[in-house]
Amino acid sequence: MESCHLLYEFRGKTLPENALDSLIDGENETGERKEKALFCRPCGYGITGKEQAIEVNGAHEHTFFNPAGVVFHLGCFRNAGGCVQAGPATSEFTWFKGYVWRFSLCRNCGVHLGWQYQQNETGFFGLILALLRE
């Protein structure tokens, strides 16, 4: 079986798949230590960094329930390079008014980690905090 190598672009350079981990939890270009990374709890893959945490509607953390009554405790992040998006964008039952959403899955194991929200040219990730670890 052939192996599949995914490539990522960072500041105009093509990087191998495993480079994502060092971008999330390593040193930046000036040699300063970056904030701690957050990893997929099921598989340990690098998802985002704590420095990507943002506030949306006045808070970083939010608790919502879906139409089936399942409760989700989310954290909002500017970027989540360890996620891949799935499904069509929809505004149905959106938790953030004016935003459409798509599912965000772990790029490595495919577990559902949350949602990517998009409004015009801006967006963010709402990630299920119980599925992330330091």
N, C-alpha and C. Protein backbone atom coordinates (compact mmCIF):
# COMPACT_ATOMS: atom_id res chain seq x y z
N MET A 1 0.84 -1.17 0.00
CA MET A 1 0.00 0.00 0.00
C MET A 1 0.89 1.24 0.00
N GLU A 2 0.56 2.22 -0.82
CA GLU A 2 1.32 3.46 -0.89
C GLU A 2 0.99 4.34 0.30
N SER A 3 2.00 5.04 0.81
CA SER A 3 1.72 5.97 1.90
C SER A 3 1.30 7.30 1.30
N CYS A 4 0.48 8.00 2.02
CA CYS A 4 -0.03 9.29 1.58
C CYS A 4 0.63 10.37 2.44
N HIS A 5 1.26 11.34 1.81
CA HIS A 5 1.90 12.42 2.54
C HIS A 5 1.13 13.70 2.27
N LEU A 6 0.57 14.28 3.34
CA LEU A 6 -0.14 15.54 3.21
C LEU A 6 0.86 16.67 3.35
N LEU A 7 0.64 17.75 2.63
CA LEU A 7 1.52 18.91 2.70
C LEU A 7 0.74 20.10 3.22
N TYR A 8 1.39 20.93 4.00
CA TYR A 8 0.80 22.13 4.55
C TYR A 8 1.62 23.32 4.07
N GLU A 9 0.96 24.45 3.92
CA GLU A 9 1.66 25.67 3.57
C GLU A 9 1.68 26.57 4.78
N PHE A 10 2.84 27.13 5.07
CA PHE A 10 3.00 28.05 6.18
C PHE A 10 3.92 29.16 5.73
N ARG A 11 3.38 30.37 5.67
CA ARG A 11 4.16 31.53 5.24
C ARG A 11 4.87 31.30 3.92
N GLY A 12 4.13 30.71 2.97
CA GLY A 12 4.65 30.51 1.63
C GLY A 12 5.56 29.32 1.45
N LYS A 13 5.80 28.54 2.50
CA LYS A 13 6.66 27.36 2.41
C LYS A 13 5.80 26.11 2.55
N THR A 14 6.13 25.08 1.78
CA THR A 14 5.44 23.81 1.89
C THR A 14 6.15 22.98 2.95
N LEU A 15 5.36 22.47 3.89
CA LEU A 15 5.92 21.71 5.01
C LEU A 15 5.36 20.30 5.02
N PRO A 16 6.12 19.32 5.52
CA PRO A 16 5.57 17.97 5.65
C PRO A 16 4.51 17.93 6.74
N GLU A 17 3.68 16.89 6.71
CA GLU A 17 2.55 16.77 7.64
C GLU A 17 2.96 16.89 9.10
N ASN A 18 4.05 16.27 9.50
CA ASN A 18 4.44 16.30 10.91
C ASN A 18 4.95 17.66 11.36
N ALA A 19 5.15 18.58 10.45
CA ALA A 19 5.60 19.92 10.82
C ALA A 19 4.52 20.68 11.58
N LEU A 20 3.26 20.29 11.42
CA LEU A 20 2.18 20.98 12.09
C LEU A 20 2.38 20.98 13.60
N ASP A 21 2.84 19.86 14.15
CA ASP A 21 3.04 19.77 15.59
C ASP A 21 4.04 20.81 16.08
N SER A 22 5.13 21.02 15.35
CA SER A 22 6.12 21.99 15.79
C SER A 22 5.61 23.42 15.62
N LEU A 23 4.73 23.65 14.67
CA LEU A 23 4.15 24.98 14.52
C LEU A 23 3.22 25.29 15.68
N ILE A 24 2.52 24.26 16.16
CA ILE A 24 1.57 24.46 17.24
C ILE A 24 2.28 24.53 18.59
N ASP A 25 3.25 23.68 18.83
CA ASP A 25 3.89 23.61 20.14
C ASP A 25 5.40 23.55 19.96
N GLY A 26 5.99 24.67 19.75
CA GLY A 26 7.43 24.72 19.57
C GLY A 26 7.91 26.13 19.75
N GLU A 27 8.98 26.45 19.07
CA GLU A 27 9.51 27.80 19.12
C GLU A 27 9.08 28.55 17.88
N ASN A 28 8.84 29.84 18.05
CA ASN A 28 8.52 30.65 16.89
C ASN A 28 9.81 31.08 16.21
N GLU A 29 9.71 31.91 15.17
CA GLU A 29 10.88 32.28 14.37
C GLU A 29 11.95 33.01 15.18
N THR A 30 11.58 33.66 16.27
CA THR A 30 12.55 34.40 17.08
C THR A 30 13.14 33.53 18.18
N GLY A 31 12.75 32.26 18.24
CA GLY A 31 13.28 31.36 19.25
C GLY A 31 12.52 31.40 20.57
N GLU A 32 11.46 32.21 20.65
CA GLU A 32 10.66 32.27 21.88
C GLU A 32 9.74 31.06 21.94
N ARG A 33 9.52 30.58 23.12
CA ARG A 33 8.63 29.43 23.31
C ARG A 33 7.19 29.86 23.09
N LYS A 34 6.47 29.09 22.26
CA LYS A 34 5.06 29.38 22.01
C LYS A 34 4.22 28.84 23.15
N GLU A 35 2.99 29.30 23.23
CA GLU A 35 2.04 28.79 24.23
C GLU A 35 1.85 27.29 24.05
N LYS A 36 1.33 26.64 25.05
CA LYS A 36 1.08 25.20 25.00
C LYS A 36 0.08 24.86 23.91
N ALA A 37 0.30 23.71 23.33
CA ALA A 37 -0.60 23.20 22.30
C ALA A 37 -1.77 22.47 22.92
N LEU A 38 -2.82 22.35 22.13
CA LEU A 38 -3.97 21.53 22.49
C LEU A 38 -4.05 20.40 21.48
N PHE A 39 -4.22 19.20 21.99
CA PHE A 39 -4.19 17.99 21.17
C PHE A 39 -5.54 17.28 21.19
N CYS A 40 -5.79 16.51 20.15
CA CYS A 40 -6.97 15.66 20.09
C CYS A 40 -6.87 14.63 21.22
N ARG A 41 -7.85 14.59 22.09
CA ARG A 41 -7.81 13.65 23.22
C ARG A 41 -7.77 12.19 22.75
N PRO A 42 -8.58 11.79 21.75
CA PRO A 42 -8.55 10.38 21.33
C PRO A 42 -7.23 9.92 20.71
N CYS A 43 -6.56 10.76 19.90
CA CYS A 43 -5.38 10.26 19.17
C CYS A 43 -4.09 11.02 19.47
N GLY A 44 -4.15 12.18 20.12
CA GLY A 44 -2.95 12.93 20.45
C GLY A 44 -2.42 13.85 19.37
N TYR A 45 -3.15 14.03 18.28
CA TYR A 45 -2.70 14.88 17.18
C TYR A 45 -2.84 16.36 17.56
N GLY A 46 -1.88 17.20 17.14
CA GLY A 46 -1.93 18.63 17.42
C GLY A 46 -3.08 19.31 16.69
N ILE A 47 -3.94 20.01 17.42
CA ILE A 47 -5.12 20.65 16.84
C ILE A 47 -4.96 22.16 16.75
N THR A 48 -4.59 22.81 17.84
CA THR A 48 -4.45 24.26 17.87
C THR A 48 -3.55 24.62 19.05
N GLY A 49 -3.31 25.91 19.23
CA GLY A 49 -2.52 26.38 20.37
C GLY A 49 -3.37 27.27 21.25
N LYS A 50 -3.01 27.33 22.53
CA LYS A 50 -3.77 28.18 23.45
C LYS A 50 -3.75 29.64 23.01
N GLU A 51 -2.68 30.05 22.32
CA GLU A 51 -2.61 31.45 21.87
C GLU A 51 -3.65 31.76 20.79
N GLN A 52 -4.30 30.73 20.25
CA GLN A 52 -5.35 30.92 19.25
C GLN A 52 -6.72 31.17 19.89
N ALA A 53 -6.82 31.07 21.22
CA ALA A 53 -8.09 31.28 21.92
C ALA A 53 -8.57 32.72 21.71
N ILE A 54 -9.85 32.87 21.42
CA ILE A 54 -10.45 34.19 21.21
C ILE A 54 -11.79 34.26 21.94
N GLU A 55 -12.31 35.46 22.06
CA GLU A 55 -13.66 35.66 22.59
C GLU A 55 -14.61 35.90 21.43
N VAL A 56 -15.75 35.27 21.50
CA VAL A 56 -16.85 35.49 20.55
C VAL A 56 -18.07 35.79 21.40
N ASN A 57 -18.79 36.83 21.05
CA ASN A 57 -19.95 37.27 21.85
C ASN A 57 -19.58 37.45 23.32
N GLY A 58 -18.38 37.99 23.56
CA GLY A 58 -17.95 38.35 24.90
C GLY A 58 -17.35 37.25 25.75
N ALA A 59 -17.17 36.04 25.20
CA ALA A 59 -16.60 34.95 26.00
C ALA A 59 -15.83 33.98 25.13
N HIS A 60 -14.82 33.33 25.72
CA HIS A 60 -14.08 32.28 25.03
C HIS A 60 -14.86 30.97 25.09
N GLU A 61 -15.45 30.67 26.25
CA GLU A 61 -16.18 29.41 26.43
C GLU A 61 -17.68 29.63 26.36
N HIS A 62 -18.36 28.67 25.74
CA HIS A 62 -19.81 28.71 25.58
C HIS A 62 -20.37 27.30 25.79
N THR A 63 -21.59 27.21 26.30
CA THR A 63 -22.28 25.93 26.44
C THR A 63 -23.58 26.01 25.67
N PHE A 64 -23.79 25.04 24.78
CA PHE A 64 -24.97 24.99 23.93
C PHE A 64 -25.52 23.57 23.91
N PHE A 65 -26.75 23.43 23.41
CA PHE A 65 -27.30 22.10 23.16
C PHE A 65 -27.81 22.05 21.73
N ASN A 66 -27.74 20.87 21.12
CA ASN A 66 -28.21 20.70 19.75
C ASN A 66 -29.69 20.29 19.76
N PRO A 67 -30.32 20.15 18.59
CA PRO A 67 -31.75 19.81 18.55
C PRO A 67 -32.08 18.48 19.24
N ALA A 68 -31.10 17.59 19.37
CA ALA A 68 -31.34 16.31 20.04
C ALA A 68 -31.17 16.42 21.56
N GLY A 69 -30.80 17.61 22.03
CA GLY A 69 -30.63 17.83 23.46
C GLY A 69 -29.24 17.53 23.99
N VAL A 70 -28.28 17.22 23.11
CA VAL A 70 -26.91 16.94 23.54
C VAL A 70 -26.22 18.27 23.85
N VAL A 71 -25.60 18.35 25.03
CA VAL A 71 -24.95 19.57 25.48
C VAL A 71 -23.47 19.56 25.08
N PHE A 72 -22.99 20.70 24.57
CA PHE A 72 -21.60 20.86 24.17
C PHE A 72 -21.01 22.07 24.88
N HIS A 73 -19.82 21.90 25.44
CA HIS A 73 -19.08 23.00 26.06
C HIS A 73 -17.92 23.32 25.11
N LEU A 74 -17.99 24.50 24.47
CA LEU A 74 -17.04 24.88 23.42
C LEU A 74 -16.06 25.94 23.89
N GLY A 75 -14.89 25.94 23.26
CA GLY A 75 -13.95 27.04 23.33
C GLY A 75 -13.79 27.59 21.93
N CYS A 76 -13.65 28.91 21.81
CA CYS A 76 -13.53 29.55 20.49
C CYS A 76 -12.05 29.80 20.18
N PHE A 77 -11.65 29.47 18.95
CA PHE A 77 -10.27 29.59 18.53
C PHE A 77 -10.19 30.23 17.15
N ARG A 78 -9.22 31.11 16.97
CA ARG A 78 -9.00 31.79 15.70
C ARG A 78 -8.67 30.80 14.59
N ASN A 79 -7.86 29.80 14.91
CA ASN A 79 -7.42 28.84 13.91
C ASN A 79 -7.27 27.47 14.56
N ALA A 80 -7.44 26.44 13.77
CA ALA A 80 -7.26 25.06 14.24
C ALA A 80 -6.71 24.24 13.08
N GLY A 81 -5.41 24.36 12.85
CA GLY A 81 -4.76 23.71 11.71
C GLY A 81 -4.80 22.20 11.74
N GLY A 82 -5.10 21.62 12.90
CA GLY A 82 -5.20 20.17 13.00
C GLY A 82 -6.57 19.63 12.67
N CYS A 83 -7.47 20.52 12.23
CA CYS A 83 -8.83 20.11 11.86
C CYS A 83 -9.01 20.15 10.35
N VAL A 84 -9.90 19.34 9.88
CA VAL A 84 -10.36 19.37 8.51
C VAL A 84 -11.88 19.55 8.57
N GLN A 85 -12.44 20.30 7.63
CA GLN A 85 -13.87 20.58 7.64
C GLN A 85 -14.63 19.55 6.80
N ALA A 86 -15.86 19.27 7.22
CA ALA A 86 -16.68 18.29 6.51
C ALA A 86 -18.11 18.80 6.41
N GLY A 87 -18.76 18.41 5.33
CA GLY A 87 -20.16 18.76 5.13
C GLY A 87 -20.33 20.15 4.56
N PRO A 88 -21.52 20.41 4.05
CA PRO A 88 -21.80 21.73 3.48
C PRO A 88 -22.02 22.77 4.58
N ALA A 89 -21.70 24.01 4.27
CA ALA A 89 -21.96 25.10 5.22
C ALA A 89 -23.47 25.29 5.36
N THR A 90 -23.93 25.47 6.59
CA THR A 90 -25.35 25.67 6.85
C THR A 90 -25.55 26.67 7.98
N SER A 91 -26.68 27.35 7.96
CA SER A 91 -27.03 28.24 9.05
C SER A 91 -28.08 27.60 9.96
N GLU A 92 -28.47 26.37 9.64
CA GLU A 92 -29.50 25.67 10.42
C GLU A 92 -29.03 25.45 11.86
N PHE A 93 -29.83 25.91 12.81
CA PHE A 93 -29.57 25.77 14.24
C PHE A 93 -28.17 26.27 14.62
N THR A 94 -27.74 27.38 14.00
CA THR A 94 -26.43 27.93 14.35
C THR A 94 -26.46 28.50 15.76
N TRP A 95 -25.37 28.34 16.48
CA TRP A 95 -25.27 28.87 17.83
C TRP A 95 -24.72 30.29 17.85
N PHE A 96 -24.23 30.76 16.71
CA PHE A 96 -23.67 32.10 16.62
C PHE A 96 -24.39 32.82 15.48
N LYS A 97 -25.28 33.74 15.85
CA LYS A 97 -26.13 34.44 14.89
C LYS A 97 -25.30 35.07 13.78
N GLY A 98 -25.75 34.85 12.53
CA GLY A 98 -25.08 35.41 11.37
C GLY A 98 -23.97 34.54 10.80
N TYR A 99 -23.63 33.46 11.48
CA TYR A 99 -22.57 32.56 11.04
C TYR A 99 -23.14 31.26 10.48
N VAL A 100 -22.53 30.76 9.43
CA VAL A 100 -22.81 29.41 8.95
C VAL A 100 -21.75 28.50 9.55
N TRP A 101 -22.03 27.21 9.61
CA TRP A 101 -21.08 26.28 10.22
C TRP A 101 -20.89 25.03 9.38
N ARG A 102 -19.74 24.41 9.61
CA ARG A 102 -19.40 23.09 9.05
C ARG A 102 -18.77 22.28 10.18
N PHE A 103 -18.84 20.98 10.07
CA PHE A 103 -18.20 20.12 11.06
C PHE A 103 -16.69 20.24 10.97
N SER A 104 -16.01 20.22 12.11
CA SER A 104 -14.55 20.18 12.17
C SER A 104 -14.13 18.85 12.77
N LEU A 105 -13.31 18.12 12.02
CA LEU A 105 -12.86 16.79 12.42
C LEU A 105 -11.35 16.80 12.62
N CYS A 106 -10.86 15.93 13.48
CA CYS A 106 -9.42 15.77 13.64
C CYS A 106 -8.84 15.31 12.31
N ARG A 107 -7.81 16.00 11.86
CA ARG A 107 -7.16 15.67 10.59
C ARG A 107 -6.53 14.28 10.62
N ASN A 108 -6.22 13.77 11.80
CA ASN A 108 -5.54 12.49 11.92
C ASN A 108 -6.52 11.32 12.10
N CYS A 109 -7.41 11.40 13.08
CA CYS A 109 -8.28 10.25 13.38
C CYS A 109 -9.73 10.43 12.93
N GLY A 110 -10.11 11.65 12.54
CA GLY A 110 -11.45 11.89 12.02
C GLY A 110 -12.54 12.09 13.05
N VAL A 111 -12.19 12.13 14.35
CA VAL A 111 -13.22 12.34 15.37
C VAL A 111 -13.78 13.75 15.25
N HIS A 112 -15.07 13.90 15.53
CA HIS A 112 -15.73 15.21 15.48
C HIS A 112 -15.27 16.03 16.68
N LEU A 113 -14.54 17.13 16.42
CA LEU A 113 -14.00 17.98 17.48
C LEU A 113 -14.79 19.26 17.67
N GLY A 114 -15.68 19.59 16.73
CA GLY A 114 -16.43 20.83 16.86
C GLY A 114 -16.90 21.33 15.51
N TRP A 115 -16.89 22.66 15.35
CA TRP A 115 -17.43 23.29 14.17
C TRP A 115 -16.57 24.47 13.74
N GLN A 116 -16.54 24.72 12.44
CA GLN A 116 -15.93 25.94 11.92
C GLN A 116 -17.07 26.88 11.59
N TYR A 117 -17.00 28.10 12.08
CA TYR A 117 -18.03 29.11 11.83
C TYR A 117 -17.49 30.16 10.87
N GLN A 118 -18.31 30.56 9.92
CA GLN A 118 -17.88 31.51 8.90
C GLN A 118 -18.96 32.58 8.71
N GLN A 119 -18.52 33.83 8.62
CA GLN A 119 -19.40 34.95 8.32
C GLN A 119 -18.63 35.88 7.39
N ASN A 120 -19.09 35.95 6.14
CA ASN A 120 -18.37 36.70 5.11
C ASN A 120 -16.92 36.22 5.05
N GLU A 121 -15.96 37.10 5.29
CA GLU A 121 -14.55 36.72 5.21
C GLU A 121 -13.95 36.37 6.57
N THR A 122 -14.74 36.41 7.63
CA THR A 122 -14.22 36.10 8.96
C THR A 122 -14.77 34.77 9.45
N GLY A 123 -14.04 34.18 10.35
CA GLY A 123 -14.49 32.92 10.90
C GLY A 123 -13.69 32.52 12.12
N PHE A 124 -14.11 31.43 12.74
CA PHE A 124 -13.43 30.89 13.91
C PHE A 124 -13.86 29.44 14.09
N PHE A 125 -13.22 28.78 15.03
CA PHE A 125 -13.54 27.39 15.35
C PHE A 125 -14.16 27.33 16.74
N GLY A 126 -15.25 26.60 16.87
CA GLY A 126 -15.84 26.28 18.16
C GLY A 126 -15.51 24.82 18.44
N LEU A 127 -14.55 24.57 19.33
CA LEU A 127 -14.08 23.20 19.57
C LEU A 127 -14.58 22.69 20.92
N ILE A 128 -14.95 21.42 20.95
CA ILE A 128 -15.47 20.77 22.15
C ILE A 128 -14.30 20.58 23.12
N LEU A 129 -14.33 21.31 24.22
CA LEU A 129 -13.19 21.34 25.13
C LEU A 129 -12.89 19.97 25.75
N ALA A 130 -13.90 19.15 25.97
CA ALA A 130 -13.68 17.82 26.55
C ALA A 130 -12.90 16.90 25.61
N LEU A 131 -12.84 17.25 24.32
CA LEU A 131 -12.13 16.42 23.34
C LEU A 131 -10.72 16.92 23.06
N LEU A 132 -10.28 17.95 23.81
CA LEU A 132 -8.93 18.48 23.67
C LEU A 132 -8.16 18.25 24.96
N ARG A 133 -6.84 18.11 24.84
CA ARG A 133 -5.98 18.00 26.03
C ARG A 133 -4.67 18.74 25.77
N GLU A 134 -4.02 19.11 26.86
CA GLU A 134 -2.71 19.79 26.74
C GLU A 134 -1.62 18.78 26.50
